[in-house]
Amino acid sequence: MGSLTLIVIVCLTSVGAYLAGTRFVGLRRTHLKEAAVEAVESLGLAAAFLLANLAVGIALIVGLRTLTGRFISVYVVNDAALAVLSLLQALVFQRWRRGSG
């Protein structure tokens, strides 16, 4: 039931954003598909950045363990903020790529 509630909420806010965008902001309906494709590309980039950030974090922890001989938990990189920061990296990279092309 909780998942269905979230889907309904997201659908309602998406319809609201669509109506506000087309009526008040002047966005074109024909550009919606292009925007959706770009959003999916950004999510793919976010996943790639998340994997890279996790790999670098784990490598640093293993390296520090080796160099110092002290135990450092790998769970340090298990933080939701890393996913948010990876998404931010992806959005900036996507915008940079779009502006450079």
Protein backbone atom coordinates (compact mmCIF):
# COMPACT_ATOMS: atom_id res chain seq x y z
CA MET A 1 0.00 0.00 0.00
CA GLY A 2 2.85 2.38 0.80
CA SER A 3 4.44 1.97 -2.63
CA LEU A 4 1.11 2.64 -4.34
CA THR A 5 0.71 5.79 -2.27
CA LEU A 6 4.12 7.03 -3.40
CA ILE A 7 3.30 6.32 -7.04
CA VAL A 8 0.00 8.24 -6.75
CA ILE A 9 1.77 11.19 -5.11
CA VAL A 10 4.46 11.29 -7.80
CA CYS A 11 1.85 11.01 -10.57
CA LEU A 12 -0.20 13.86 -9.11
CA THR A 13 2.79 16.17 -8.74
CA SER A 14 3.95 15.24 -12.25
CA VAL A 15 0.56 16.14 -13.71
CA GLY A 16 0.63 19.38 -11.72
CA ALA A 17 4.10 20.20 -13.03
CA TYR A 18 2.98 19.38 -16.58
CA LEU A 19 -0.05 21.67 -16.32
CA ALA A 20 1.93 24.49 -14.70
CA GLY A 21 4.73 24.13 -17.23
CA THR A 22 2.49 24.18 -20.29
CA ARG A 23 0.08 26.86 -19.07
CA PHE A 24 2.17 29.28 -17.05
CA VAL A 25 5.83 28.76 -17.94
CA GLY A 26 5.36 28.29 -21.68
CA LEU A 27 6.98 24.86 -21.96
CA ARG A 28 6.16 22.89 -25.09
CA ARG A 29 4.53 19.48 -24.85
CA THR A 30 6.68 18.27 -27.74
CA HIS A 31 9.84 18.69 -25.64
CA LEU A 32 8.60 16.43 -22.83
CA LYS A 33 9.92 13.20 -24.41
CA GLU A 34 13.36 14.78 -24.88
CA ALA A 35 13.35 15.90 -21.25
CA ALA A 36 12.37 12.41 -20.07
CA VAL A 37 15.19 10.83 -22.09
CA GLU A 38 17.65 13.31 -20.60
CA ALA A 39 16.37 12.52 -17.10
CA VAL A 40 16.95 8.79 -17.66
CA GLU A 41 20.45 9.57 -18.98
CA SER A 42 21.11 11.57 -15.82
CA LEU A 43 19.98 8.65 -13.66
CA GLY A 44 22.34 6.35 -15.54
CA LEU A 45 25.17 8.80 -14.99
CA ALA A 46 24.23 9.03 -11.31
CA ALA A 47 24.49 5.25 -11.01
CA ALA A 48 27.90 5.32 -12.71
CA PHE A 49 29.11 8.09 -10.39
CA LEU A 50 27.77 6.19 -7.37
CA LEU A 51 29.66 3.05 -8.39
CA ALA A 52 32.82 5.08 -9.00
CA ASN A 53 32.49 6.87 -5.66
CA LEU A 54 31.96 3.56 -3.85
CA ALA A 55 34.96 1.99 -5.61
CA VAL A 56 37.22 4.93 -4.78
CA GLY A 57 35.98 5.03 -1.19
CA ILE A 58 36.52 1.32 -0.64
CA ALA A 59 39.95 1.47 -2.29
CA LEU A 60 40.94 4.35 -0.01
CA ILE A 61 39.75 2.47 3.06
CA VAL A 62 41.60 -0.70 2.08
CA GLY A 63 44.71 1.38 1.33
CA LEU A 64 44.52 3.13 4.69
CA ARG A 65 44.06 -0.21 6.45
CA THR A 66 47.19 -1.50 4.71
CA LEU A 67 49.28 1.60 5.40
CA THR A 68 48.25 2.21 8.99
CA GLY A 69 47.46 -1.30 10.17
CA ARG A 70 44.32 0.08 11.82
CA PHE A 71 40.81 -1.14 11.14
CA ILE A 72 38.63 1.30 9.25
CA SER A 73 35.10 0.16 8.49
CA VAL A 74 33.92 -0.01 4.90
CA TYR A 75 30.50 1.02 6.21
CA VAL A 76 31.78 4.61 6.21
CA VAL A 77 30.87 4.81 2.51
CA ASN A 78 27.40 3.37 3.21
CA ASP A 79 25.69 6.75 3.48
CA ALA A 80 22.61 8.04 1.65
CA ALA A 81 24.40 11.36 1.18
CA LEU A 82 26.76 9.61 -1.24
CA ALA A 83 23.83 8.80 -3.53
CA VAL A 84 22.61 12.40 -3.40
CA LEU A 85 26.10 13.74 -4.12
CA SER A 86 26.48 11.25 -6.98
CA LEU A 87 23.22 12.54 -8.46
CA LEU A 88 24.52 16.09 -8.14
CA GLN A 89 27.73 15.07 -9.90
CA ALA A 90 25.68 13.51 -12.70
CA LEU A 91 23.47 16.57 -13.13
CA VAL A 92 26.45 18.91 -13.31
CA PHE A 93 28.26 16.59 -15.73
CA GLN A 94 25.13 16.27 -17.91
CA ARG A 95 24.70 20.04 -18.05
CA TRP A 96 28.40 20.54 -18.79
CA ARG A 97 28.25 17.96 -21.59
CA ARG A 98 25.14 19.57 -23.07
CA GLY A 99 26.75 23.03 -22.97
CA SER A 100 29.98 21.83 -24.58
CA GLY A 101 28.30 20.13 -27.55
